[in-house]
Amino acid sequence: MPDEIPRQRKPPRHLPKRTREQLLTSKRQFNRTGTEFLKVDVVTGLTFAKAALDSRDEDKKLRNQKSARKAYDTIVRMLNKITPSKADAQQLHENLQQLKNDLIQLGESF
């Protein structure tokens, strides 16, 4: 029976169901962790962009530019998966805009 579709497994009955409060706590923790990750990532991207802008060595410049662009793309993709506080969102968007401006200065297109 090669065309047989595998059945989805149900969770074992002995595992307790998560309560609404546990789910909300997990979501808050995910948002906090995700926000902190993006805040670090945008600062890292800005550091790479500055290194690329300041570099006279073309290989280093290109390598740092690629790293900055990768950080930018990751942040943009991840931003819609979290819900940061207003203050964190504003800080992220300001830094992200600065990173984008630096990348444009380096020749990136959006």
N, C-alpha and C. Protein backbone atom coordinates (compact mmCIF):
# COMPACT_ATOMS: atom_id res chain seq x y z
N MET A 1 0.80 -1.17 0.00
CA MET A 1 0.00 0.00 0.00
C MET A 1 0.87 1.26 0.00
N PRO A 2 1.58 1.53 -1.09
CA PRO A 2 2.49 2.68 -1.13
C PRO A 2 1.76 4.02 -1.14
N ASP A 3 0.50 4.08 -1.55
CA ASP A 3 -0.22 5.35 -1.62
C ASP A 3 -0.94 5.69 -0.32
N GLU A 4 -0.70 4.92 0.71
CA GLU A 4 -1.38 5.12 1.97
C GLU A 4 -0.87 6.41 2.65
N ILE A 5 -1.78 7.23 3.12
CA ILE A 5 -1.41 8.47 3.78
C ILE A 5 -1.23 8.20 5.27
N PRO A 6 -0.09 8.65 5.82
CA PRO A 6 0.13 8.40 7.24
C PRO A 6 -0.89 9.17 8.09
N ARG A 7 -1.34 8.55 9.15
CA ARG A 7 -2.31 9.18 10.04
C ARG A 7 -1.58 10.11 11.00
N GLN A 8 -2.25 11.21 11.34
CA GLN A 8 -1.67 12.11 12.33
C GLN A 8 -1.79 11.49 13.70
N ARG A 9 -0.77 11.65 14.46
CA ARG A 9 -0.78 11.08 15.81
C ARG A 9 -1.37 12.08 16.79
N LYS A 10 -2.16 11.58 17.70
CA LYS A 10 -2.71 12.40 18.76
C LYS A 10 -1.70 12.44 19.90
N PRO A 11 -1.68 13.56 20.64
CA PRO A 11 -0.75 13.59 21.78
C PRO A 11 -1.15 12.54 22.80
N PRO A 12 -0.19 11.99 23.51
CA PRO A 12 -0.51 11.00 24.54
C PRO A 12 -1.48 11.58 25.56
N ARG A 13 -2.37 10.75 26.04
CA ARG A 13 -3.41 11.20 26.98
C ARG A 13 -2.83 11.59 28.34
N HIS A 14 -1.66 11.10 28.67
CA HIS A 14 -1.12 11.38 30.00
C HIS A 14 -0.51 12.78 30.09
N LEU A 15 -0.34 13.48 28.97
CA LEU A 15 0.19 14.85 29.02
C LEU A 15 -0.95 15.83 29.31
N PRO A 16 -0.76 16.69 30.30
CA PRO A 16 -1.82 17.65 30.61
C PRO A 16 -1.93 18.71 29.51
N LYS A 17 -3.15 19.19 29.28
CA LYS A 17 -3.35 20.26 28.32
C LYS A 17 -2.84 21.55 28.95
N ARG A 18 -2.30 22.41 28.08
CA ARG A 18 -1.80 23.69 28.57
C ARG A 18 -2.97 24.62 28.86
N THR A 19 -2.86 25.33 29.95
CA THR A 19 -3.92 26.26 30.30
C THR A 19 -3.77 27.55 29.50
N ARG A 20 -4.82 28.32 29.48
CA ARG A 20 -4.81 29.59 28.77
C ARG A 20 -3.70 30.49 29.32
N GLU A 21 -3.54 30.52 30.63
CA GLU A 21 -2.52 31.36 31.26
C GLU A 21 -1.11 30.90 30.86
N GLN A 22 -0.90 29.60 30.78
CA GLN A 22 0.41 29.09 30.35
C GLN A 22 0.69 29.51 28.91
N LEU A 23 -0.32 29.46 28.07
CA LEU A 23 -0.13 29.87 26.68
C LEU A 23 0.18 31.35 26.58
N LEU A 24 -0.53 32.17 27.36
CA LEU A 24 -0.26 33.61 27.36
C LEU A 24 1.15 33.91 27.89
N THR A 25 1.56 33.20 28.90
CA THR A 25 2.90 33.37 29.45
C THR A 25 3.95 33.00 28.41
N SER A 26 3.71 31.91 27.70
CA SER A 26 4.64 31.50 26.64
C SER A 26 4.71 32.55 25.53
N LYS A 27 3.57 33.11 25.17
CA LYS A 27 3.54 34.13 24.12
C LYS A 27 4.30 35.38 24.57
N ARG A 28 4.10 35.81 25.81
CA ARG A 28 4.81 36.99 26.33
C ARG A 28 6.31 36.74 26.34
N GLN A 29 6.70 35.55 26.76
CA GLN A 29 8.13 35.21 26.80
C GLN A 29 8.71 35.18 25.39
N PHE A 30 7.96 34.62 24.44
CA PHE A 30 8.41 34.59 23.04
C PHE A 30 8.60 36.01 22.52
N ASN A 31 7.65 36.90 22.81
CA ASN A 31 7.75 38.29 22.37
C ASN A 31 8.96 38.99 22.99
N ARG A 32 9.18 38.78 24.28
CA ARG A 32 10.34 39.40 24.94
C ARG A 32 11.64 38.90 24.34
N THR A 33 11.74 37.60 24.20
CA THR A 33 12.96 37.00 23.65
C THR A 33 13.17 37.42 22.20
N GLY A 34 12.11 37.38 21.42
CA GLY A 34 12.20 37.79 20.01
C GLY A 34 12.58 39.24 19.86
N THR A 35 12.02 40.09 20.71
CA THR A 35 12.34 41.52 20.66
C THR A 35 13.80 41.75 21.01
N GLU A 36 14.28 41.10 22.05
CA GLU A 36 15.69 41.25 22.44
C GLU A 36 16.62 40.76 21.32
N PHE A 37 16.27 39.65 20.71
CA PHE A 37 17.06 39.13 19.60
C PHE A 37 17.14 40.16 18.47
N LEU A 38 16.00 40.75 18.10
CA LEU A 38 15.99 41.71 17.00
C LEU A 38 16.74 42.98 17.37
N LYS A 39 16.65 43.41 18.62
CA LYS A 39 17.39 44.59 19.04
C LYS A 39 18.91 44.35 18.92
N VAL A 40 19.36 43.18 19.31
CA VAL A 40 20.78 42.84 19.17
C VAL A 40 21.15 42.71 17.69
N ASP A 41 20.28 42.08 16.92
CA ASP A 41 20.56 41.86 15.51
C ASP A 41 20.66 43.18 14.73
N VAL A 42 19.81 44.15 15.05
CA VAL A 42 19.86 45.42 14.32
C VAL A 42 21.14 46.18 14.68
N VAL A 43 21.57 46.12 15.94
CA VAL A 43 22.82 46.76 16.33
C VAL A 43 24.01 46.06 15.64
N THR A 44 23.94 44.76 15.55
CA THR A 44 24.99 44.01 14.85
C THR A 44 25.01 44.39 13.37
N GLY A 45 23.84 44.48 12.75
CA GLY A 45 23.76 44.90 11.35
C GLY A 45 24.33 46.29 11.14
N LEU A 46 24.01 47.22 12.06
CA LEU A 46 24.57 48.58 11.96
C LEU A 46 26.09 48.56 12.09
N THR A 47 26.61 47.69 12.95
CA THR A 47 28.06 47.57 13.12
C THR A 47 28.71 47.07 11.82
N PHE A 48 28.11 46.04 11.21
CA PHE A 48 28.63 45.54 9.94
C PHE A 48 28.56 46.62 8.85
N ALA A 49 27.45 47.35 8.81
CA ALA A 49 27.30 48.41 7.80
C ALA A 49 28.34 49.49 7.98
N LYS A 50 28.59 49.90 9.23
CA LYS A 50 29.60 50.93 9.49
C LYS A 50 30.97 50.42 9.09
N ALA A 51 31.26 49.17 9.41
CA ALA A 51 32.56 48.59 9.03
C ALA A 51 32.71 48.58 7.51
N ALA A 52 31.62 48.26 6.80
CA ALA A 52 31.67 48.25 5.33
C ALA A 52 31.87 49.66 4.79
N LEU A 53 31.16 50.63 5.36
CA LEU A 53 31.29 52.02 4.91
C LEU A 53 32.69 52.57 5.16
N ASP A 54 33.31 52.16 6.25
CA ASP A 54 34.64 52.66 6.63
C ASP A 54 35.79 51.91 5.98
N SER A 55 35.51 50.75 5.40
CA SER A 55 36.58 49.89 4.88
C SER A 55 37.12 50.37 3.54
N ARG A 56 38.44 50.24 3.41
CA ARG A 56 39.10 50.53 2.13
C ARG A 56 39.41 49.21 1.39
N ASP A 57 39.33 48.12 2.12
CA ASP A 57 39.58 46.80 1.55
C ASP A 57 38.26 46.29 0.94
N GLU A 58 38.24 46.07 -0.36
CA GLU A 58 37.00 45.68 -1.05
C GLU A 58 36.44 44.35 -0.57
N ASP A 59 37.31 43.39 -0.28
CA ASP A 59 36.82 42.09 0.21
C ASP A 59 36.13 42.24 1.57
N LYS A 60 36.76 42.98 2.48
CA LYS A 60 36.15 43.21 3.80
C LYS A 60 34.87 44.01 3.66
N LYS A 61 34.89 45.00 2.78
CA LYS A 61 33.70 45.83 2.58
C LYS A 61 32.53 44.97 2.11
N LEU A 62 32.77 44.12 1.11
CA LEU A 62 31.71 43.27 0.58
C LEU A 62 31.23 42.27 1.61
N ARG A 63 32.16 41.68 2.36
CA ARG A 63 31.78 40.70 3.38
C ARG A 63 30.91 41.36 4.46
N ASN A 64 31.31 42.55 4.92
CA ASN A 64 30.53 43.25 5.93
C ASN A 64 29.19 43.74 5.38
N GLN A 65 29.18 44.14 4.13
CA GLN A 65 27.92 44.57 3.49
C GLN A 65 26.94 43.40 3.43
N LYS A 66 27.43 42.23 3.04
CA LYS A 66 26.56 41.05 2.97
C LYS A 66 26.02 40.68 4.36
N SER A 67 26.85 40.79 5.38
CA SER A 67 26.41 40.48 6.74
C SER A 67 25.36 41.48 7.21
N ALA A 68 25.56 42.75 6.88
CA ALA A 68 24.58 43.78 7.25
C ALA A 68 23.26 43.54 6.54
N ARG A 69 23.32 43.18 5.26
CA ARG A 69 22.09 42.92 4.51
C ARG A 69 21.35 41.70 5.05
N LYS A 70 22.12 40.69 5.43
CA LYS A 70 21.50 39.48 5.99
C LYS A 70 20.78 39.82 7.30
N ALA A 71 21.40 40.66 8.12
CA ALA A 71 20.76 41.09 9.37
C ALA A 71 19.48 41.85 9.05
N TYR A 72 19.52 42.75 8.09
CA TYR A 72 18.34 43.53 7.72
C TYR A 72 17.21 42.61 7.28
N ASP A 73 17.52 41.69 6.38
CA ASP A 73 16.49 40.78 5.86
C ASP A 73 15.89 39.91 6.96
N THR A 74 16.72 39.46 7.88
CA THR A 74 16.25 38.64 9.00
C THR A 74 15.30 39.44 9.89
N ILE A 75 15.68 40.66 10.19
CA ILE A 75 14.85 41.51 11.05
C ILE A 75 13.50 41.77 10.40
N VAL A 76 13.50 42.13 9.13
CA VAL A 76 12.24 42.40 8.43
C VAL A 76 11.34 41.17 8.45
N ARG A 77 11.93 40.01 8.22
CA ARG A 77 11.14 38.78 8.19
C ARG A 77 10.59 38.43 9.57
N MET A 78 11.37 38.69 10.61
CA MET A 78 10.97 38.30 11.95
C MET A 78 10.05 39.32 12.64
N LEU A 79 10.07 40.55 12.20
CA LEU A 79 9.28 41.59 12.86
C LEU A 79 7.79 41.27 12.89
N ASN A 80 7.29 40.61 11.84
CA ASN A 80 5.85 40.33 11.83
C ASN A 80 5.49 39.07 12.63
N LYS A 81 6.48 38.47 13.27
CA LYS A 81 6.21 37.29 14.08
C LYS A 81 6.15 37.62 15.58
N ILE A 82 6.52 38.85 15.92
CA ILE A 82 6.50 39.25 17.32
C ILE A 82 5.66 40.52 17.49
N THR A 83 5.35 40.83 18.74
CA THR A 83 4.62 42.05 19.05
C THR A 83 5.41 42.80 20.12
N PRO A 84 6.36 43.65 19.69
CA PRO A 84 7.15 44.39 20.69
C PRO A 84 6.33 45.50 21.33
N SER A 85 6.82 45.99 22.45
CA SER A 85 6.19 47.15 23.09
C SER A 85 6.33 48.35 22.15
N LYS A 86 5.57 49.41 22.41
CA LYS A 86 5.65 50.60 21.57
C LYS A 86 7.06 51.17 21.55
N ALA A 87 7.68 51.25 22.71
CA ALA A 87 9.03 51.80 22.80
C ALA A 87 10.03 50.94 22.03
N ASP A 88 9.94 49.62 22.22
CA ASP A 88 10.84 48.71 21.49
C ASP A 88 10.59 48.77 20.00
N ALA A 89 9.32 48.83 19.61
CA ALA A 89 8.98 48.90 18.18
C ALA A 89 9.55 50.17 17.56
N GLN A 90 9.45 51.29 18.27
CA GLN A 90 9.98 52.55 17.75
C GLN A 90 11.50 52.47 17.60
N GLN A 91 12.17 51.94 18.62
CA GLN A 91 13.62 51.80 18.57
C GLN A 91 14.04 50.88 17.43
N LEU A 92 13.35 49.75 17.28
CA LEU A 92 13.67 48.82 16.20
C LEU A 92 13.48 49.48 14.84
N HIS A 93 12.37 50.18 14.66
CA HIS A 93 12.10 50.80 13.36
C HIS A 93 13.10 51.91 13.03
N GLU A 94 13.49 52.70 14.04
CA GLU A 94 14.48 53.75 13.81
C GLU A 94 15.83 53.14 13.41
N ASN A 95 16.26 52.13 14.16
CA ASN A 95 17.54 51.48 13.84
C ASN A 95 17.47 50.75 12.51
N LEU A 96 16.34 50.15 12.22
CA LEU A 96 16.18 49.45 10.95
C LEU A 96 16.23 50.43 9.79
N GLN A 97 15.64 51.61 9.96
CA GLN A 97 15.69 52.63 8.91
C GLN A 97 17.13 53.11 8.71
N GLN A 98 17.87 53.27 9.80
CA GLN A 98 19.28 53.68 9.68
C GLN A 98 20.08 52.60 8.96
N LEU A 99 19.81 51.35 9.28
CA LEU A 99 20.50 50.24 8.62
C LEU A 99 20.17 50.24 7.13
N LYS A 100 18.92 50.45 6.80
CA LYS A 100 18.51 50.50 5.39
C LYS A 100 19.22 51.65 4.67
N ASN A 101 19.28 52.81 5.31
CA ASN A 101 19.98 53.96 4.71
C ASN A 101 21.45 53.65 4.47
N ASP A 102 22.09 53.01 5.45
CA ASP A 102 23.50 52.62 5.28
C ASP A 102 23.66 51.64 4.13
N LEU A 103 22.75 50.68 4.04
CA LEU A 103 22.83 49.69 2.97
C LEU A 103 22.62 50.33 1.60
N ILE A 104 21.72 51.30 1.51
CA ILE A 104 21.52 52.02 0.25
C ILE A 104 22.80 52.76 -0.13
N GLN A 105 23.43 53.36 0.87
CA GLN A 105 24.69 54.06 0.63
C GLN A 105 25.78 53.09 0.13
N LEU A 106 25.68 51.84 0.55
CA LEU A 106 26.63 50.82 0.10
C LEU A 106 26.26 50.23 -1.27
N GLY A 107 25.12 50.64 -1.81
CA GLY A 107 24.74 50.17 -3.13
C GLY A 107 23.64 49.12 -3.17
N GLU A 108 23.09 48.79 -2.01
CA GLU A 108 21.99 47.82 -1.98
C GLU A 108 20.72 48.47 -2.51
N SER A 109 19.87 47.65 -3.11
CA SER A 109 18.58 48.16 -3.57
C SER A 109 17.47 47.41 -2.86
N PHE A 110 16.35 48.09 -2.70
CA PHE A 110 15.21 47.52 -1.97
C PHE A 110 13.96 47.62 -2.79
